[in-house]
N, C-alpha and C. Protein backbone atom coordinates (compact mmCIF):
# COMPACT_ATOMS: atom_id res chain seq x y z
N GLN A 1 -177.89 43.63 -2.95
CA GLN A 1 -177.21 44.80 -3.46
C GLN A 1 -178.13 46.00 -3.45
N VAL A 2 -177.55 47.15 -3.18
CA VAL A 2 -178.28 48.41 -3.21
C VAL A 2 -177.44 49.40 -4.01
N GLN A 3 -178.09 50.11 -4.90
CA GLN A 3 -177.43 51.19 -5.63
C GLN A 3 -178.02 52.51 -5.18
N LEU A 4 -177.17 53.46 -4.86
CA LEU A 4 -177.59 54.76 -4.38
C LEU A 4 -177.01 55.85 -5.28
N LEU A 5 -177.84 56.81 -5.63
CA LEU A 5 -177.40 57.88 -6.52
C LEU A 5 -177.83 59.22 -5.94
N GLU A 6 -176.84 60.02 -5.57
CA GLU A 6 -177.12 61.34 -5.03
C GLU A 6 -177.23 62.37 -6.16
N SER A 7 -178.03 63.40 -5.91
CA SER A 7 -178.14 64.52 -6.84
C SER A 7 -178.56 65.75 -6.07
N GLY A 8 -178.48 66.90 -6.72
CA GLY A 8 -178.96 68.14 -6.12
C GLY A 8 -177.88 69.06 -5.57
N GLY A 9 -176.63 68.62 -5.61
CA GLY A 9 -175.57 69.49 -5.13
C GLY A 9 -175.33 70.65 -6.07
N GLY A 10 -174.49 71.58 -5.63
CA GLY A 10 -174.18 72.73 -6.47
C GLY A 10 -173.50 73.83 -5.68
N LEU A 11 -173.44 74.99 -6.32
CA LEU A 11 -172.84 76.18 -5.72
C LEU A 11 -173.95 77.09 -5.22
N VAL A 12 -173.88 77.48 -3.97
CA VAL A 12 -174.92 78.33 -3.38
C VAL A 12 -174.27 79.33 -2.44
N GLN A 13 -174.83 80.52 -2.36
CA GLN A 13 -174.27 81.55 -1.50
C GLN A 13 -174.64 81.29 -0.04
N THR A 14 -173.87 81.88 0.85
CA THR A 14 -174.14 81.78 2.28
C THR A 14 -175.58 82.21 2.57
N GLY A 15 -176.26 81.38 3.34
CA GLY A 15 -177.65 81.64 3.68
C GLY A 15 -178.64 81.01 2.73
N GLY A 16 -178.14 80.45 1.65
CA GLY A 16 -179.01 79.83 0.65
C GLY A 16 -179.43 78.42 1.03
N SER A 17 -180.15 77.78 0.11
CA SER A 17 -180.71 76.45 0.36
C SER A 17 -180.43 75.52 -0.82
N LEU A 18 -180.35 74.25 -0.50
CA LEU A 18 -180.28 73.19 -1.49
C LEU A 18 -181.07 72.01 -0.98
N ARG A 19 -181.58 71.21 -1.91
CA ARG A 19 -182.20 69.94 -1.53
C ARG A 19 -181.49 68.82 -2.25
N LEU A 20 -180.86 67.95 -1.46
CA LEU A 20 -180.20 66.78 -2.01
C LEU A 20 -181.18 65.62 -2.07
N SER A 21 -181.01 64.79 -3.09
CA SER A 21 -181.82 63.59 -3.23
C SER A 21 -180.91 62.37 -3.29
N CYS A 22 -181.41 61.28 -2.76
CA CYS A 22 -180.71 60.00 -2.82
C CYS A 22 -181.69 58.97 -3.35
N ALA A 23 -181.50 58.59 -4.60
CA ALA A 23 -182.39 57.63 -5.24
C ALA A 23 -181.81 56.23 -5.10
N ALA A 24 -182.63 55.29 -4.63
CA ALA A 24 -182.16 53.94 -4.36
C ALA A 24 -182.79 52.94 -5.30
N SER A 25 -182.05 51.89 -5.58
CA SER A 25 -182.56 50.75 -6.36
C SER A 25 -181.92 49.49 -5.80
N GLY A 26 -182.53 48.38 -6.11
CA GLY A 26 -182.01 47.10 -5.62
C GLY A 26 -182.92 46.54 -4.55
N ARG A 27 -182.37 46.26 -3.37
CA ARG A 27 -183.13 45.65 -2.29
C ARG A 27 -184.26 46.57 -1.81
N THR A 28 -185.29 45.98 -1.21
CA THR A 28 -186.47 46.71 -0.79
C THR A 28 -186.11 47.94 0.03
N PHE A 29 -186.48 49.09 -0.49
CA PHE A 29 -186.08 50.37 0.09
C PHE A 29 -186.57 50.55 1.51
N SER A 30 -187.76 50.07 1.79
CA SER A 30 -188.37 50.29 3.10
C SER A 30 -187.81 49.39 4.18
N ARG A 31 -186.76 48.61 3.87
CA ARG A 31 -186.19 47.70 4.87
C ARG A 31 -184.88 48.20 5.46
N TYR A 32 -184.48 49.44 5.14
CA TYR A 32 -183.23 49.93 5.70
C TYR A 32 -183.29 51.41 6.02
N ALA A 33 -182.49 51.77 7.00
CA ALA A 33 -182.31 53.19 7.33
C ALA A 33 -181.33 53.80 6.33
N VAL A 34 -181.39 55.10 6.21
CA VAL A 34 -180.51 55.82 5.29
C VAL A 34 -179.86 56.99 6.01
N GLY A 35 -178.59 57.17 5.78
CA GLY A 35 -177.87 58.29 6.38
C GLY A 35 -177.22 59.16 5.34
N TRP A 36 -176.99 60.41 5.72
CA TRP A 36 -176.20 61.35 4.92
C TRP A 36 -174.91 61.65 5.68
N PHE A 37 -173.82 61.66 4.94
CA PHE A 37 -172.51 61.98 5.50
C PHE A 37 -171.85 63.01 4.59
N CYS A 38 -170.86 63.71 5.12
CA CYS A 38 -170.14 64.67 4.28
C CYS A 38 -168.64 64.52 4.52
N GLN A 39 -167.89 64.89 3.51
CA GLN A 39 -166.44 64.85 3.61
C GLN A 39 -165.85 66.07 2.92
N ALA A 40 -165.20 66.91 3.72
CA ALA A 40 -164.53 68.09 3.20
C ALA A 40 -163.08 67.74 2.86
N PRO A 41 -162.43 68.50 1.99
CA PRO A 41 -161.04 68.21 1.63
C PRO A 41 -160.13 68.15 2.85
N GLY A 42 -159.36 67.07 2.95
CA GLY A 42 -158.42 66.91 4.05
C GLY A 42 -159.03 66.47 5.36
N LYS A 43 -160.34 66.18 5.34
CA LYS A 43 -161.01 65.77 6.57
C LYS A 43 -161.63 64.39 6.40
N SER A 44 -161.93 63.75 7.52
CA SER A 44 -162.57 62.45 7.48
C SER A 44 -164.07 62.61 7.23
N ARG A 45 -164.70 61.52 6.82
CA ARG A 45 -166.14 61.55 6.56
C ARG A 45 -166.89 61.72 7.88
N GLU A 46 -167.88 62.60 7.87
CA GLU A 46 -168.64 62.92 9.09
C GLU A 46 -170.13 62.65 8.90
N PHE A 47 -170.77 62.28 9.98
CA PHE A 47 -172.21 62.06 9.98
C PHE A 47 -172.93 63.40 9.89
N VAL A 48 -174.00 63.43 9.10
CA VAL A 48 -174.83 64.63 8.96
C VAL A 48 -176.24 64.38 9.51
N ALA A 49 -176.92 63.36 8.99
CA ALA A 49 -178.29 63.07 9.38
C ALA A 49 -178.63 61.66 8.96
N ALA A 50 -179.65 61.08 9.61
CA ALA A 50 -180.10 59.74 9.26
C ALA A 50 -181.59 59.61 9.55
N ILE A 51 -182.21 58.64 8.88
CA ILE A 51 -183.65 58.43 9.03
C ILE A 51 -183.93 56.94 9.03
N SER A 52 -184.87 56.52 9.88
CA SER A 52 -185.24 55.12 9.97
C SER A 52 -186.00 54.68 8.73
N TRP A 53 -186.26 53.37 8.63
CA TRP A 53 -186.91 52.84 7.43
C TRP A 53 -188.30 53.44 7.22
N SER A 54 -189.00 53.72 8.32
CA SER A 54 -190.37 54.24 8.23
C SER A 54 -190.42 55.76 8.13
N GLY A 55 -189.29 56.39 8.47
CA GLY A 55 -189.29 57.85 8.51
C GLY A 55 -189.72 58.42 9.84
N SER A 56 -190.07 57.57 10.80
CA SER A 56 -190.59 58.04 12.07
C SER A 56 -189.50 58.52 13.02
N SER A 57 -188.26 58.08 12.78
CA SER A 57 -187.14 58.48 13.63
C SER A 57 -186.04 59.11 12.79
N THR A 58 -185.49 60.20 13.31
CA THR A 58 -184.40 60.88 12.63
C THR A 58 -183.32 61.25 13.64
N SER A 59 -182.13 61.48 13.15
CA SER A 59 -181.06 61.99 14.00
C SER A 59 -180.20 62.95 13.19
N TYR A 60 -179.60 63.91 13.87
CA TYR A 60 -178.82 64.95 13.21
C TYR A 60 -177.53 65.23 13.96
N ALA A 61 -176.52 65.63 13.22
CA ALA A 61 -175.32 66.17 13.84
C ALA A 61 -175.67 67.52 14.47
N ASP A 62 -175.01 67.85 15.56
CA ASP A 62 -175.30 69.12 16.24
C ASP A 62 -175.10 70.31 15.31
N SER A 63 -174.15 70.20 14.41
CA SER A 63 -173.80 71.32 13.54
C SER A 63 -174.90 71.65 12.52
N VAL A 64 -175.85 70.73 12.30
CA VAL A 64 -176.88 70.98 11.29
C VAL A 64 -178.28 71.04 11.88
N LYS A 65 -178.42 70.78 13.17
CA LYS A 65 -179.75 70.81 13.79
C LYS A 65 -180.39 72.19 13.62
N GLY A 66 -181.65 72.16 13.20
CA GLY A 66 -182.36 73.41 12.99
C GLY A 66 -182.16 73.99 11.60
N ARG A 67 -181.19 73.48 10.84
CA ARG A 67 -180.93 73.97 9.48
C ARG A 67 -181.22 72.92 8.42
N PHE A 68 -180.93 71.67 8.71
CA PHE A 68 -181.13 70.58 7.75
C PHE A 68 -182.30 69.71 8.18
N THR A 69 -183.01 69.17 7.20
CA THR A 69 -184.11 68.24 7.47
C THR A 69 -184.00 67.05 6.55
N ILE A 70 -184.00 65.85 7.13
CA ILE A 70 -183.97 64.62 6.35
C ILE A 70 -185.39 64.06 6.27
N SER A 71 -185.75 63.52 5.12
CA SER A 71 -187.05 62.91 4.93
C SER A 71 -186.92 61.81 3.88
N ARG A 72 -187.96 60.98 3.77
CA ARG A 72 -187.94 59.92 2.77
C ARG A 72 -189.32 59.69 2.21
N ASP A 73 -189.35 59.23 0.97
CA ASP A 73 -190.58 58.85 0.30
C ASP A 73 -190.38 57.42 -0.18
N ASN A 74 -190.90 56.46 0.57
CA ASN A 74 -190.66 55.06 0.23
C ASN A 74 -191.36 54.67 -1.09
N ALA A 75 -192.39 55.37 -1.46
CA ALA A 75 -193.06 55.09 -2.73
C ALA A 75 -192.17 55.46 -3.92
N LYS A 76 -191.27 56.41 -3.70
CA LYS A 76 -190.36 56.87 -4.75
C LYS A 76 -188.94 56.36 -4.55
N ASN A 77 -188.73 55.55 -3.50
CA ASN A 77 -187.39 55.03 -3.21
C ASN A 77 -186.35 56.14 -3.10
N THR A 78 -186.72 57.20 -2.43
CA THR A 78 -185.85 58.38 -2.38
C THR A 78 -185.80 58.97 -0.97
N VAL A 79 -184.61 59.38 -0.59
CA VAL A 79 -184.40 60.12 0.66
C VAL A 79 -183.91 61.51 0.29
N TYR A 80 -184.37 62.50 1.04
CA TYR A 80 -184.03 63.89 0.76
C TYR A 80 -183.28 64.50 1.95
N LEU A 81 -182.45 65.47 1.64
CA LEU A 81 -181.82 66.28 2.68
C LEU A 81 -182.02 67.74 2.30
N GLN A 82 -182.95 68.39 2.99
CA GLN A 82 -183.20 69.81 2.78
C GLN A 82 -182.18 70.60 3.60
N MET A 83 -181.41 71.42 2.93
CA MET A 83 -180.32 72.16 3.58
C MET A 83 -180.63 73.65 3.49
N ASN A 84 -180.88 74.27 4.61
CA ASN A 84 -181.18 75.70 4.68
C ASN A 84 -180.09 76.44 5.44
N SER A 85 -180.07 77.74 5.29
CA SER A 85 -179.10 78.60 5.99
C SER A 85 -177.68 78.05 5.84
N LEU A 86 -177.31 77.75 4.63
CA LEU A 86 -176.00 77.14 4.38
C LEU A 86 -174.86 78.08 4.72
N LYS A 87 -173.77 77.46 5.20
CA LYS A 87 -172.57 78.19 5.62
C LYS A 87 -171.37 77.69 4.84
N PRO A 88 -170.31 78.47 4.75
CA PRO A 88 -169.10 78.00 4.06
C PRO A 88 -168.58 76.68 4.64
N GLU A 89 -168.73 76.48 5.93
CA GLU A 89 -168.25 75.23 6.54
C GLU A 89 -169.07 74.01 6.17
N ASP A 90 -170.19 74.21 5.47
CA ASP A 90 -170.97 73.08 4.95
C ASP A 90 -170.40 72.55 3.64
N THR A 91 -169.42 73.26 3.08
CA THR A 91 -168.82 72.82 1.82
C THR A 91 -168.18 71.45 1.97
N ALA A 92 -168.61 70.52 1.13
CA ALA A 92 -168.13 69.13 1.21
C ALA A 92 -168.78 68.32 0.11
N VAL A 93 -168.31 67.09 -0.04
CA VAL A 93 -169.02 66.11 -0.85
C VAL A 93 -169.98 65.39 0.10
N TYR A 94 -171.23 65.29 -0.32
CA TYR A 94 -172.26 64.67 0.50
C TYR A 94 -172.60 63.29 -0.08
N TYR A 95 -172.62 62.30 0.81
CA TYR A 95 -172.90 60.92 0.44
C TYR A 95 -174.13 60.41 1.18
N CYS A 96 -174.92 59.58 0.52
CA CYS A 96 -175.95 58.86 1.23
C CYS A 96 -175.52 57.40 1.32
N ALA A 97 -176.05 56.71 2.34
CA ALA A 97 -175.63 55.35 2.60
C ALA A 97 -176.78 54.57 3.24
N ALA A 98 -176.77 53.26 3.06
CA ALA A 98 -177.83 52.39 3.54
C ALA A 98 -177.36 51.54 4.71
N ASP A 99 -178.21 51.46 5.74
CA ASP A 99 -177.92 50.68 6.95
C ASP A 99 -179.00 49.62 7.13
N PHE A 100 -178.62 48.35 6.96
CA PHE A 100 -179.56 47.25 7.17
C PHE A 100 -179.51 46.72 8.60
N THR A 101 -178.49 47.12 9.36
CA THR A 101 -178.29 46.55 10.70
C THR A 101 -179.32 47.06 11.69
N THR A 102 -179.60 48.36 11.62
CA THR A 102 -180.55 48.96 12.56
C THR A 102 -181.58 49.78 11.79
N PRO A 103 -182.47 49.15 11.05
CA PRO A 103 -183.42 49.88 10.20
C PRO A 103 -184.38 50.77 10.97
N ASP A 104 -184.65 50.40 12.24
CA ASP A 104 -185.58 51.18 13.05
C ASP A 104 -184.90 52.34 13.77
N TYR A 105 -183.59 52.37 13.74
CA TYR A 105 -182.85 53.38 14.49
C TYR A 105 -181.83 54.05 13.58
N PRO A 106 -181.97 55.37 13.38
CA PRO A 106 -181.06 56.09 12.49
C PRO A 106 -179.71 56.35 13.16
N THR A 107 -178.80 55.39 13.05
CA THR A 107 -177.54 55.48 13.75
C THR A 107 -176.57 56.48 13.13
N THR A 108 -175.68 56.98 13.97
CA THR A 108 -174.62 57.88 13.51
C THR A 108 -173.36 57.10 13.16
N ARG A 109 -173.32 55.81 13.47
CA ARG A 109 -172.11 55.02 13.31
C ARG A 109 -171.83 54.71 11.84
N THR A 110 -170.73 55.22 11.34
CA THR A 110 -170.40 55.04 9.93
C THR A 110 -170.29 53.58 9.55
N TYR A 111 -169.77 52.74 10.42
CA TYR A 111 -169.53 51.34 10.06
C TYR A 111 -170.81 50.53 9.90
N ASN A 112 -171.94 51.06 10.34
CA ASN A 112 -173.22 50.38 10.12
C ASN A 112 -173.66 50.44 8.66
N TYR A 113 -173.16 51.42 7.95
CA TYR A 113 -173.63 51.69 6.59
C TYR A 113 -172.79 50.91 5.59
N VAL A 114 -173.44 50.02 4.87
CA VAL A 114 -172.72 49.10 4.00
C VAL A 114 -172.65 49.60 2.56
N TYR A 115 -173.74 50.16 2.08
CA TYR A 115 -173.80 50.62 0.69
C TYR A 115 -173.74 52.14 0.65
N TRP A 116 -172.93 52.65 -0.27
CA TRP A 116 -172.70 54.09 -0.37
C TRP A 116 -172.88 54.56 -1.81
N GLY A 117 -173.35 55.79 -1.96
CA GLY A 117 -173.40 56.41 -3.26
C GLY A 117 -172.07 57.05 -3.61
N GLN A 118 -172.02 57.70 -4.77
CA GLN A 118 -170.79 58.29 -5.27
C GLN A 118 -170.59 59.72 -4.78
N GLY A 119 -171.62 60.33 -4.24
CA GLY A 119 -171.49 61.66 -3.66
C GLY A 119 -171.90 62.78 -4.60
N THR A 120 -172.26 63.90 -4.00
CA THR A 120 -172.58 65.11 -4.75
C THR A 120 -171.93 66.29 -4.04
N GLN A 121 -171.34 67.18 -4.82
CA GLN A 121 -170.57 68.29 -4.25
C GLN A 121 -171.49 69.45 -3.87
N VAL A 122 -171.29 69.97 -2.67
CA VAL A 122 -171.96 71.18 -2.20
C VAL A 122 -170.88 72.21 -1.90
N THR A 123 -170.99 73.37 -2.51
CA THR A 123 -170.00 74.42 -2.31
C THR A 123 -170.68 75.70 -1.88
N VAL A 124 -170.24 76.24 -0.74
CA VAL A 124 -170.75 77.50 -0.23
C VAL A 124 -169.54 78.42 -0.07
N PRO A 125 -169.33 79.33 -1.01
CA PRO A 125 -168.13 80.18 -0.96
C PRO A 125 -168.13 81.10 0.26
N SER A 126 -166.94 81.34 0.78
CA SER A 126 -166.82 82.24 1.94
C SER A 126 -166.66 83.67 1.49
């Protein structure tokens, strides 16, 4: 079992920044990759970014490349998503999730991720 808890969401103006955190407990944190996904009202859940168990490999959705940075601190059992230059279209609930299937490869495939957090709301008014 893995428990994931997101934090750091909020209301921010266009061009602003937020840092989301995903705190994990349960199974050994350094044995799985972690991904961030977002879901806007009326839309399906979408991939945002992912990081391998070691932090050496990352992947990003095209829409966030150059603006978002994913990182992890295995000593603190935490993954971060630094979000810069935020846009109204970034408004969504952001979820982190754990992937044990491909720990060395930060996959974009939603079905690889078995454990999910409850989400944190990010709002960027237009």
